[in-house]
Amino acid sequence: QTLSAAFQRAIQMPGMFAALVLQGGFTPDPTAVEVEGGGAFEAA
C-alpha cells in the first residue's frame, strides 16, 4: 500500500521533461519532447 501510495503521488506530478497542454488539431504535429529514459521502478 505504501509503494502504491508513493507511485500514486508520482503520477500526479507534472512531467519531468515537459508538461504539455494540447487539443485536437494541435501543431506542430508531431510534437516532440527530448527526454532521458529509464529509472529504478519496475514497469511490470
PDB file of all heavy atoms in Angstrom:
ATOM      1  N   GLN A   1       0.823  -1.194   0.000  1.00  0.00           N
ATOM      2  CA  GLN A   1       0.000   0.000   0.000  1.00  0.00           C
ATOM      3  C   GLN A   1       0.869   1.260   0.000  1.00  0.00           C
ATOM      4  O   GLN A   1       0.574   2.233  -0.674  1.00  0.00           O
ATOM      5  CB  GLN A   1      -0.915  -0.011   1.228  1.00  0.00           C
ATOM      6  CG  GLN A   1      -2.025  -1.062   1.131  1.00  0.00           C
ATOM      7  CD  GLN A   1      -2.822  -1.150   2.424  1.00  0.00           C
ATOM      8  OE1 GLN A   1      -2.371  -0.732   3.484  1.00  0.00           O
ATOM      9  NE2 GLN A   1      -3.995  -1.728   2.340  1.00  0.00           N
ATOM     10  N   THR A   2       1.996   1.219   0.748  1.00  0.00           N
ATOM     11  CA  THR A   2       2.902   2.359   0.786  1.00  0.00           C
ATOM     12  C   THR A   2       3.521   2.588  -0.582  1.00  0.00           C
ATOM     13  O   THR A   2       3.606   3.711  -1.065  1.00  0.00           O
ATOM     14  CB  THR A   2       4.006   2.125   1.835  1.00  0.00           C
ATOM     15  OG1 THR A   2       3.399   1.935   3.111  1.00  0.00           O
ATOM     16  CG2 THR A   2       4.969   3.300   1.879  1.00  0.00           C
ATOM     17  N   LEU A   3       3.947   1.503  -1.229  1.00  0.00           N
ATOM     18  CA  LEU A   3       4.532   1.617  -2.553  1.00  0.00           C
ATOM     19  C   LEU A   3       3.522   2.198  -3.528  1.00  0.00           C
ATOM     20  O   LEU A   3       3.836   3.085  -4.317  1.00  0.00           O
ATOM     21  CB  LEU A   3       4.988   0.234  -3.033  1.00  0.00           C
ATOM     22  CG  LEU A   3       5.652   0.162  -4.397  1.00  0.00           C
ATOM     23  CD1 LEU A   3       6.943   0.955  -4.398  1.00  0.00           C
ATOM     24  CD2 LEU A   3       5.917  -1.284  -4.775  1.00  0.00           C
ATOM     25  N   SER A   4       2.297   1.704  -3.468  1.00  0.00           N
ATOM     26  CA  SER A   4       1.252   2.202  -4.356  1.00  0.00           C
ATOM     27  C   SER A   4       0.984   3.680  -4.090  1.00  0.00           C
ATOM     28  O   SER A   4       0.846   4.464  -5.027  1.00  0.00           O
ATOM     29  CB  SER A   4      -0.029   1.381  -4.160  1.00  0.00           C
ATOM     30  OG  SER A   4      -1.071   1.892  -4.941  1.00  0.00           O
ATOM     31  N   ALA A   5       0.919   4.048  -2.833  1.00  0.00           N
ATOM     32  CA  ALA A   5       0.653   5.449  -2.495  1.00  0.00           C
ATOM     33  C   ALA A   5       1.769   6.348  -3.001  1.00  0.00           C
ATOM     34  O   ALA A   5       1.524   7.439  -3.519  1.00  0.00           O
ATOM     35  CB  ALA A   5       0.487   5.595  -0.986  1.00  0.00           C
ATOM     36  N   ALA A   6       3.011   5.869  -2.871  1.00  0.00           N
ATOM     37  CA  ALA A   6       4.145   6.665  -3.340  1.00  0.00           C
ATOM     38  C   ALA A   6       4.075   6.853  -4.847  1.00  0.00           C
ATOM     39  O   ALA A   6       4.315   7.961  -5.351  1.00  0.00           O
ATOM     40  CB  ALA A   6       5.456   5.984  -2.949  1.00  0.00           C
ATOM     41  N   PHE A   7       3.735   5.795  -5.559  1.00  0.00           N
ATOM     42  CA  PHE A   7       3.683   5.929  -7.009  1.00  0.00           C
ATOM     43  C   PHE A   7       2.464   6.736  -7.435  1.00  0.00           C
ATOM     44  O   PHE A   7       2.515   7.452  -8.445  1.00  0.00           O
ATOM     45  CB  PHE A   7       3.678   4.560  -7.687  1.00  0.00           C
ATOM     46  CG  PHE A   7       4.094   4.634  -9.128  1.00  0.00           C
ATOM     47  CD1 PHE A   7       5.429   4.697  -9.472  1.00  0.00           C
ATOM     48  CD2 PHE A   7       3.145   4.687 -10.126  1.00  0.00           C
ATOM     49  CE1 PHE A   7       5.823   4.802 -10.797  1.00  0.00           C
ATOM     50  CE2 PHE A   7       3.521   4.793 -11.458  1.00  0.00           C
ATOM     51  CZ  PHE A   7       4.864   4.845 -11.794  1.00  0.00           C
ATOM     52  N   GLN A   8       1.374   6.638  -6.680  1.00  0.00           N
ATOM     53  CA  GLN A   8       0.215   7.476  -6.994  1.00  0.00           C
ATOM     54  C   GLN A   8       0.576   8.948  -6.878  1.00  0.00           C
ATOM     55  O   GLN A   8       0.125   9.768  -7.679  1.00  0.00           O
ATOM     56  CB  GLN A   8      -0.950   7.138  -6.052  1.00  0.00           C
ATOM     57  CG  GLN A   8      -1.639   5.820  -6.357  1.00  0.00           C
ATOM     58  CD  GLN A   8      -2.326   5.843  -7.711  1.00  0.00           C
ATOM     59  OE1 GLN A   8      -2.779   6.881  -8.173  1.00  0.00           O
ATOM     60  NE2 GLN A   8      -2.403   4.699  -8.350  1.00  0.00           N
ATOM     61  N   ARG A   9       1.403   9.266  -5.915  1.00  0.00           N
ATOM     62  CA  ARG A   9       1.855  10.662  -5.792  1.00  0.00           C
ATOM     63  C   ARG A   9       2.721  11.040  -6.989  1.00  0.00           C
ATOM     64  O   ARG A   9       2.643  12.150  -7.507  1.00  0.00           O
ATOM     65  CB  ARG A   9       2.621  10.867  -4.483  1.00  0.00           C
ATOM     66  CG  ARG A   9       1.736  10.858  -3.239  1.00  0.00           C
ATOM     67  CD  ARG A   9       2.488  11.391  -2.036  1.00  0.00           C
ATOM     68  NE  ARG A   9       3.597  10.517  -1.673  1.00  0.00           N
ATOM     69  CZ  ARG A   9       3.483   9.480  -0.851  1.00  0.00           C
ATOM     70  NH1 ARG A   9       2.302   9.175  -0.325  1.00  0.00           N
ATOM     71  NH2 ARG A   9       4.536   8.742  -0.555  1.00  0.00           N
ATOM     72  N   ALA A  10       3.560  10.100  -7.431  1.00  0.00           N
ATOM     73  CA  ALA A  10       4.426  10.365  -8.578  1.00  0.00           C
ATOM     74  C   ALA A  10       3.605  10.618  -9.834  1.00  0.00           C
ATOM     75  O   ALA A  10       3.945  11.475 -10.652  1.00  0.00           O
ATOM     76  CB  ALA A  10       5.377   9.185  -8.798  1.00  0.00           C
ATOM     77  N   ILE A  11       2.519   9.865  -9.973  1.00  0.00           N
ATOM     78  CA  ILE A  11       1.662  10.017 -11.149  1.00  0.00           C
ATOM     79  C   ILE A  11       1.086  11.426 -11.232  1.00  0.00           C
ATOM     80  O   ILE A  11       0.885  11.968 -12.325  1.00  0.00           O
ATOM     81  CB  ILE A  11       0.529   8.967 -11.114  1.00  0.00           C
ATOM     82  CG1 ILE A  11       1.103   7.571 -11.363  1.00  0.00           C
ATOM     83  CG2 ILE A  11      -0.560   9.286 -12.133  1.00  0.00           C
ATOM     84  CD1 ILE A  11       0.104   6.460 -11.132  1.00  0.00           C
ATOM     85  N   GLN A  12       0.831  12.030 -10.096  1.00  0.00           N
ATOM     86  CA  GLN A  12       0.217  13.355 -10.078  1.00  0.00           C
ATOM     87  C   GLN A  12       1.205  14.480 -10.368  1.00  0.00           C
ATOM     88  O   GLN A  12       0.799  15.624 -10.565  1.00  0.00           O
ATOM     89  CB  GLN A  12      -0.442  13.603  -8.707  1.00  0.00           C
ATOM     90  CG  GLN A  12      -1.464  12.553  -8.304  1.00  0.00           C
ATOM     91  CD  GLN A  12      -2.545  12.352  -9.357  1.00  0.00           C
ATOM     92  OE1 GLN A  12      -3.048  13.318  -9.930  1.00  0.00           O
ATOM     93  NE2 GLN A  12      -2.907  11.096  -9.617  1.00  0.00           N
ATOM     94  N   MET A  13       2.481  14.140 -10.413  1.00  0.00           N
ATOM     95  CA  MET A  13       3.489  15.172 -10.668  1.00  0.00           C
ATOM     96  C   MET A  13       3.475  15.578 -12.136  1.00  0.00           C
ATOM     97  O   MET A  13       3.133  14.783 -13.014  1.00  0.00           O
ATOM     98  CB  MET A  13       4.872  14.636 -10.295  1.00  0.00           C
ATOM     99  CG  MET A  13       5.034  14.274  -8.837  1.00  0.00           C
ATOM    100  SD  MET A  13       4.960  15.731  -7.770  1.00  0.00           S
ATOM    101  CE  MET A  13       6.509  16.530  -8.200  1.00  0.00           C
ATOM    102  N   PRO A  14       3.834  16.829 -12.435  1.00  0.00           N
ATOM    103  CA  PRO A  14       3.972  17.227 -13.845  1.00  0.00           C
ATOM    104  C   PRO A  14       5.151  16.503 -14.479  1.00  0.00           C
ATOM    105  O   PRO A  14       6.040  15.995 -13.784  1.00  0.00           O
ATOM    106  CB  PRO A  14       4.216  18.736 -13.756  1.00  0.00           C
ATOM    107  CG  PRO A  14       4.784  18.952 -12.399  1.00  0.00           C
ATOM    108  CD  PRO A  14       4.146  17.928 -11.508  1.00  0.00           C
ATOM    109  N   GLY A  15       5.155  16.433 -15.790  1.00  0.00           N
ATOM    110  CA  GLY A  15       6.237  15.749 -16.484  1.00  0.00           C
ATOM    111  C   GLY A  15       7.596  16.313 -16.139  1.00  0.00           C
ATOM    112  O   GLY A  15       7.766  17.541 -16.058  1.00  0.00           O
ATOM    113  N   MET A  16       8.568  15.426 -15.950  1.00  0.00           N
ATOM    114  CA  MET A  16       9.909  15.877 -15.580  1.00  0.00           C
ATOM    115  C   MET A  16      10.566  16.663 -16.713  1.00  0.00           C
ATOM    116  O   MET A  16      11.307  17.620 -16.471  1.00  0.00           O
ATOM    117  CB  MET A  16      10.776  14.666 -15.209  1.00  0.00           C
ATOM    118  CG  MET A  16      12.196  15.005 -14.822  1.00  0.00           C
ATOM    119  SD  MET A  16      13.100  13.599 -14.129  1.00  0.00           S
ATOM    120  CE  MET A  16      12.281  13.448 -12.529  1.00  0.00           C
ATOM    121  N   PHE A  17      10.283  16.277 -17.961  1.00  0.00           N
ATOM    122  CA  PHE A  17      10.902  16.946 -19.108  1.00  0.00           C
ATOM    123  C   PHE A  17       9.940  17.865 -19.852  1.00  0.00           C
ATOM    124  O   PHE A  17      10.383  18.760 -20.572  1.00  0.00           O
ATOM    125  CB  PHE A  17      11.480  15.904 -20.067  1.00  0.00           C
ATOM    126  CG  PHE A  17      12.575  15.084 -19.448  1.00  0.00           C
ATOM    127  CD1 PHE A  17      12.303  13.854 -18.868  1.00  0.00           C
ATOM    128  CD2 PHE A  17      13.873  15.558 -19.410  1.00  0.00           C
ATOM    129  CE1 PHE A  17      13.310  13.098 -18.284  1.00  0.00           C
ATOM    130  CE2 PHE A  17      14.894  14.809 -18.828  1.00  0.00           C
ATOM    131  CZ  PHE A  17      14.607  13.570 -18.251  1.00  0.00           C
ATOM    132  N   ALA A  18       8.628  17.623 -19.698  1.00  0.00           N
ATOM    133  CA  ALA A  18       7.649  18.510 -20.335  1.00  0.00           C
ATOM    134  C   ALA A  18       6.271  18.225 -19.769  1.00  0.00           C
ATOM    135  O   ALA A  18       5.919  17.074 -19.497  1.00  0.00           O
ATOM    136  CB  ALA A  18       7.637  18.322 -21.853  1.00  0.00           C
ATOM    137  N   ALA A  19       5.492  19.289 -19.596  1.00  0.00           N
ATOM    138  CA  ALA A  19       4.084  19.185 -19.219  1.00  0.00           C
ATOM    139  C   ALA A  19       3.299  19.856 -20.340  1.00  0.00           C
ATOM    140  O   ALA A  19       3.154  21.078 -20.372  1.00  0.00           O
ATOM    141  CB  ALA A  19       3.834  19.850 -17.874  1.00  0.00           C
ATOM    142  N   LEU A  20       2.817  19.035 -21.264  1.00  0.00           N
ATOM    143  CA  LEU A  20       2.171  19.542 -22.465  1.00  0.00           C
ATOM    144  C   LEU A  20       0.681  19.760 -22.247  1.00  0.00           C
ATOM    145  O   LEU A  20       0.037  19.001 -21.513  1.00  0.00           O
ATOM    146  CB  LEU A  20       2.370  18.562 -23.621  1.00  0.00           C
ATOM    147  CG  LEU A  20       3.818  18.209 -23.990  1.00  0.00           C
ATOM    148  CD1 LEU A  20       3.822  17.122 -25.058  1.00  0.00           C
ATOM    149  CD2 LEU A  20       4.564  19.445 -24.466  1.00  0.00           C
ATOM    150  N   VAL A  21       0.144  20.766 -22.918  1.00  0.00           N
ATOM    151  CA  VAL A  21      -1.300  21.016 -22.955  1.00  0.00           C
ATOM    152  C   VAL A  21      -1.665  21.148 -24.433  1.00  0.00           C
ATOM    153  O   VAL A  21      -1.263  22.114 -25.096  1.00  0.00           O
ATOM    154  CB  VAL A  21      -1.691  22.287 -22.180  1.00  0.00           C
ATOM    155  CG1 VAL A  21      -3.199  22.508 -22.267  1.00  0.00           C
ATOM    156  CG2 VAL A  21      -1.237  22.192 -20.723  1.00  0.00           C
ATOM    157  N   LEU A  22      -2.390  20.146 -24.950  1.00  0.00           N
ATOM    158  CA  LEU A  22      -2.727  20.119 -26.374  1.00  0.00           C
ATOM    159  C   LEU A  22      -4.206  19.827 -26.555  1.00  0.00           C
ATOM    160  O   LEU A  22      -4.841  19.225 -25.684  1.00  0.00           O
ATOM    161  CB  LEU A  22      -1.909  19.042 -27.100  1.00  0.00           C
ATOM    162  CG  LEU A  22      -0.373  19.163 -27.065  1.00  0.00           C
ATOM    163  CD1 LEU A  22       0.253  17.932 -27.704  1.00  0.00           C
ATOM    164  CD2 LEU A  22       0.094  20.435 -27.744  1.00  0.00           C
ATOM    165  N   GLN A  23      -4.736  20.214 -27.703  1.00  0.00           N
ATOM    166  CA  GLN A  23      -6.085  19.829 -28.065  1.00  0.00           C
ATOM    167  C   GLN A  23      -6.077  19.351 -29.511  1.00  0.00           C
ATOM    168  O   GLN A  23      -5.109  19.580 -30.254  1.00  0.00           O
ATOM    169  CB  GLN A  23      -7.074  20.973 -27.885  1.00  0.00           C
ATOM    170  CG  GLN A  23      -6.853  22.166 -28.792  1.00  0.00           C
ATOM    171  CD  GLN A  23      -7.871  23.269 -28.545  1.00  0.00           C
ATOM    172  OE1 GLN A  23      -8.269  23.524 -27.414  1.00  0.00           O
ATOM    173  NE2 GLN A  23      -8.300  23.927 -29.610  1.00  0.00           N
ATOM    174  N   GLY A  24      -7.128  18.637 -29.898  1.00  0.00           N
ATOM    175  CA  GLY A  24      -7.190  18.087 -31.237  1.00  0.00           C
ATOM    176  C   GLY A  24      -6.882  19.107 -32.307  1.00  0.00           C
ATOM    177  O   GLY A  24      -7.343  20.245 -32.235  1.00  0.00           O
ATOM    178  N   GLY A  25      -6.062  18.706 -33.292  1.00  0.00           N
ATOM    179  CA  GLY A  25      -5.644  19.627 -34.335  1.00  0.00           C
ATOM    180  C   GLY A  25      -4.397  20.408 -33.975  1.00  0.00           C
ATOM    181  O   GLY A  25      -4.075  21.398 -34.639  1.00  0.00           O
ATOM    182  N   PHE A  26      -3.669  19.973 -32.937  1.00  0.00           N
ATOM    183  CA  PHE A  26      -2.502  20.714 -32.458  1.00  0.00           C
ATOM    184  C   PHE A  26      -1.396  20.772 -33.522  1.00  0.00           C
ATOM    185  O   PHE A  26      -1.288  19.918 -34.409  1.00  0.00           O
ATOM    186  CB  PHE A  26      -1.970  20.087 -31.172  1.00  0.00           C
ATOM    187  CG  PHE A  26      -1.548  18.639 -31.299  1.00  0.00           C
ATOM    188  CD1 PHE A  26      -0.279  18.293 -31.752  1.00  0.00           C
ATOM    189  CD2 PHE A  26      -2.431  17.621 -30.968  1.00  0.00           C
ATOM    190  CE1 PHE A  26       0.107  16.969 -31.858  1.00  0.00           C
ATOM    191  CE2 PHE A  26      -2.055  16.291 -31.072  1.00  0.00           C
ATOM    192  CZ  PHE A  26      -0.781  15.962 -31.523  1.00  0.00           C
ATOM    193  N   THR A  27      -0.597  21.806 -33.390  1.00  0.00           N
ATOM    194  CA  THR A  27       0.619  21.961 -34.192  1.00  0.00           C
ATOM    195  C   THR A  27       1.748  22.372 -33.253  1.00  0.00           C
ATOM    196  O   THR A  27       1.500  23.036 -32.235  1.00  0.00           O
ATOM    197  CB  THR A  27       0.446  23.041 -35.288  1.00  0.00           C
ATOM    198  OG1 THR A  27       0.094  24.277 -34.680  1.00  0.00           O
ATOM    199  CG2 THR A  27      -0.609  22.628 -36.290  1.00  0.00           C
ATOM    200  N   PRO A  28       2.976  21.995 -33.547  1.00  0.00           N
ATOM    201  CA  PRO A  28       3.345  21.127 -34.662  1.00  0.00           C
ATOM    202  C   PRO A  28       2.892  19.689 -34.414  1.00  0.00           C
ATOM    203  O   PRO A  28       2.700  19.279 -33.275  1.00  0.00           O
ATOM    204  CB  PRO A  28       4.873  21.226 -34.676  1.00  0.00           C
ATOM    205  CG  PRO A  28       5.230  21.514 -33.245  1.00  0.00           C
ATOM    206  CD  PRO A  28       4.144  22.395 -32.731  1.00  0.00           C
ATOM    207  N   ASP A  29       2.700  18.985 -35.499  1.00  0.00           N
ATOM    208  CA  ASP A  29       2.335  17.573 -35.449  1.00  0.00           C
ATOM    209  C   ASP A  29       3.333  16.804 -36.322  1.00  0.00           C
ATOM    210  O   ASP A  29       3.341  16.997 -37.534  1.00  0.00           O
ATOM    211  CB  ASP A  29       0.910  17.372 -35.956  1.00  0.00           C
ATOM    212  CG  ASP A  29       0.426  15.936 -35.818  1.00  0.00           C
ATOM    213  OD1 ASP A  29       1.273  15.041 -35.576  1.00  0.00           O
ATOM    214  OD2 ASP A  29      -0.779  15.709 -35.965  1.00  0.00           O
ATOM    215  N   PRO A  30       4.198  15.990 -35.700  1.00  0.00           N
ATOM    216  CA  PRO A  30       4.186  15.613 -34.290  1.00  0.00           C
ATOM    217  C   PRO A  30       4.811  16.675 -33.386  1.00  0.00           C
ATOM    218  O   PRO A  30       5.659  17.448 -33.809  1.00  0.00           O
ATOM    219  CB  PRO A  30       5.030  14.335 -34.275  1.00  0.00           C
ATOM    220  CG  PRO A  30       5.983  14.502 -35.406  1.00  0.00           C
ATOM    221  CD  PRO A  30       5.211  15.227 -36.474  1.00  0.00           C
ATOM    222  N   THR A  31       4.361  16.672 -32.130  1.00  0.00           N
ATOM    223  CA  THR A  31       5.009  17.442 -31.079  1.00  0.00           C
ATOM    224  C   THR A  31       6.036  16.541 -30.421  1.00  0.00           C
ATOM    225  O   THR A  31       5.721  15.406 -30.052  1.00  0.00           O
ATOM    226  CB  THR A  31       3.985  17.936 -30.049  1.00  0.00           C
ATOM    227  OG1 THR A  31       3.153  18.935 -30.666  1.00  0.00           O
ATOM    228  CG2 THR A  31       4.665  18.541 -28.837  1.00  0.00           C
ATOM    229  N   ALA A  32       7.270  17.026 -30.290  1.00  0.00           N
ATOM    230  CA  ALA A  32       8.371  16.183 -29.806  1.00  0.00           C
ATOM    231  C   ALA A  32       8.943  16.733 -28.502  1.00  0.00           C
ATOM    232  O   ALA A  32       9.003  17.954 -28.304  1.00  0.00           O
ATOM    233  CB  ALA A  32       9.462  16.088 -30.858  1.00  0.00           C
ATOM    234  N   VAL A  33       9.358  15.815 -27.639  1.00  0.00           N
ATOM    235  CA  VAL A  33       9.993  16.180 -26.372  1.00  0.00           C
ATOM    236  C   VAL A  33      11.235  15.311 -26.197  1.00  0.00           C
ATOM    237  O   VAL A  33      11.170  14.082 -26.324  1.00  0.00           O
ATOM    238  CB  VAL A  33       9.047  15.949 -25.170  1.00  0.00           C
ATOM    239  CG1 VAL A  33       9.755  16.312 -23.863  1.00  0.00           C
ATOM    240  CG2 VAL A  33       7.765  16.752 -25.325  1.00  0.00           C
ATOM    241  N   GLU A  34      12.362  15.953 -25.925  1.00  0.00           N
ATOM    242  CA  GLU A  34      13.597  15.228 -25.651  1.00  0.00           C
ATOM    243  C   GLU A  34      13.630  14.832 -24.175  1.00  0.00           C
ATOM    244  O   GLU A  34      13.401  15.681 -23.297  1.00  0.00           O
ATOM    245  CB  GLU A  34      14.819  16.101 -25.972  1.00  0.00           C
ATOM    246  CG  GLU A  34      14.855  16.620 -27.396  1.00  0.00           C
ATOM    247  CD  GLU A  34      15.053  15.520 -28.427  1.00  0.00           C
ATOM    248  OE1 GLU A  34      15.625  14.469 -28.071  1.00  0.00           O
ATOM    249  OE2 GLU A  34      14.646  15.714 -29.585  1.00  0.00           O
ATOM    250  N   VAL A  35      13.889  13.557 -23.904  1.00  0.00           N
ATOM    251  CA  VAL A  35      13.898  13.067 -22.527  1.00  0.00           C
ATOM    252  C   VAL A  35      15.115  12.175 -22.315  1.00  0.00           C
ATOM    253  O   VAL A  35      15.836  11.834 -23.255  1.00  0.00           O
ATOM    254  CB  VAL A  35      12.613  12.268 -22.198  1.00  0.00           C
ATOM    255  CG1 VAL A  35      11.372  13.075 -22.526  1.00  0.00           C
ATOM    256  CG2 VAL A  35      12.588  10.931 -22.941  1.00  0.00           C
ATOM    257  N   GLU A  36      15.311  11.809 -21.070  1.00  0.00           N
ATOM    258  CA  GLU A  36      16.256  10.754 -20.714  1.00  0.00           C
ATOM    259  C   GLU A  36      15.440   9.628 -20.101  1.00  0.00           C
ATOM    260  O   GLU A  36      14.776   9.824 -19.073  1.00  0.00           O
ATOM    261  CB  GLU A  36      17.310  11.264 -19.740  1.00  0.00           C
ATOM    262  CG  GLU A  36      18.257  12.276 -20.352  1.00  0.00           C
ATOM    263  CD  GLU A  36      19.307  12.767 -19.375  1.00  0.00           C
ATOM    264  OE1 GLU A  36      19.225  12.379 -18.186  1.00  0.00           O
ATOM    265  OE2 GLU A  36      20.190  13.527 -19.789  1.00  0.00           O
ATOM    266  N   GLY A  37      15.452   8.462 -20.743  1.00  0.00           N
ATOM    267  CA  GLY A  37      14.607   7.365 -20.290  1.00  0.00           C
ATOM    268  C   GLY A  37      15.196   6.592 -19.128  1.00  0.00           C
ATOM    269  O   GLY A  37      16.332   6.807 -18.721  1.00  0.00           O
ATOM    270  N   GLY A  38      14.387   5.681 -18.612  1.00  0.00           N
ATOM    271  CA  GLY A  38      14.854   4.766 -17.579  1.00  0.00           C
ATOM    272  C   GLY A  38      14.610   5.239 -16.169  1.00  0.00           C
ATOM    273  O   GLY A  38      14.066   6.320 -15.924  1.00  0.00           O
ATOM    274  N   GLY A  39      15.012   4.404 -15.226  1.00  0.00           N
ATOM    275  CA  GLY A  39      14.819   4.664 -13.808  1.00  0.00           C
ATOM    276  C   GLY A  39      14.949   3.370 -13.036  1.00  0.00           C
ATOM    277  O   GLY A  39      15.469   2.374 -13.558  1.00  0.00           O
ATOM    278  N   ALA A  40      14.465   3.357 -11.805  1.00  0.00           N
ATOM    279  CA  ALA A  40      14.616   2.186 -10.941  1.00  0.00           C
ATOM    280  C   ALA A  40      13.306   1.457 -10.676  1.00  0.00           C
ATOM    281  O   ALA A  40      13.301   0.418 -10.024  1.00  0.00           O
ATOM    282  CB  ALA A  40      15.248   2.602  -9.609  1.00  0.00           C
ATOM    283  N   PHE A  41      12.181   1.989 -11.168  1.00  0.00           N
ATOM    284  CA  PHE A  41      10.874   1.391 -10.876  1.00  0.00           C
ATOM    285  C   PHE A  41      10.526   0.374 -11.958  1.00  0.00           C
ATOM    286  O   PHE A  41      10.594   0.675 -13.152  1.00  0.00           O
ATOM    287  CB  PHE A  41       9.806   2.483 -10.820  1.00  0.00           C
ATOM    288  CG  PHE A  41       8.463   2.002 -10.323  1.00  0.00           C
ATOM    289  CD1 PHE A  41       8.151   2.054  -8.980  1.00  0.00           C
ATOM    290  CD2 PHE A  41       7.532   1.488 -11.207  1.00  0.00           C
ATOM    291  CE1 PHE A  41       6.920   1.603  -8.525  1.00  0.00           C
ATOM    292  CE2 PHE A  41       6.306   1.033 -10.760  1.00  0.00           C
ATOM    293  CZ  PHE A  41       6.002   1.092  -9.412  1.00  0.00           C
ATOM    294  N   GLU A  42      10.137  -0.840 -11.539  1.00  0.00           N
ATOM    295  CA  GLU A  42       9.781  -1.899 -12.482  1.00  0.00           C
ATOM    296  C   GLU A  42       8.405  -1.626 -13.083  1.00  0.00           C
ATOM    297  O   GLU A  42       7.401  -1.601 -12.372  1.00  0.00           O
ATOM    298  CB  GLU A  42       9.782  -3.258 -11.786  1.00  0.00           C
ATOM    299  CG  GLU A  42      11.153  -3.743 -11.354  1.00  0.00           C
ATOM    300  CD  GLU A  42      12.022  -4.144 -12.537  1.00  0.00           C
ATOM    301  OE1 GLU A  42      11.470  -4.390 -13.628  1.00  0.00           O
ATOM    302  OE2 GLU A  42      13.252  -4.207 -12.359  1.00  0.00           O
ATOM    303  N   ALA A  43       8.366  -1.432 -14.393  1.00  0.00           N
ATOM    304  CA  ALA A  43       7.101  -1.127 -15.056  1.00  0.00           C
ATOM    305  C   ALA A  43       6.103  -2.269 -14.939  1.00  0.00           C
ATOM    306  O   ALA A  43       4.893  -2.042 -14.922  1.00  0.00           O
ATOM    307  CB  ALA A  43       7.353  -0.796 -16.529  1.00  0.00           C
ATOM    308  N   ALA A  44       6.587  -3.500 -14.827  1.00  0.00           N
ATOM    309  CA  ALA A  44       5.690  -4.651 -14.708  1.00  0.00           C
ATOM    310  C   ALA A  44       4.867  -4.617 -13.431  1.00  0.00           C
ATOM    311  O   ALA A  44       3.842  -5.300 -13.335  1.00  0.00           O
ATOM    312  CB  ALA A  44       6.490  -5.959 -14.771  1.00  0.00           C
TER     313      ALA A  44
END
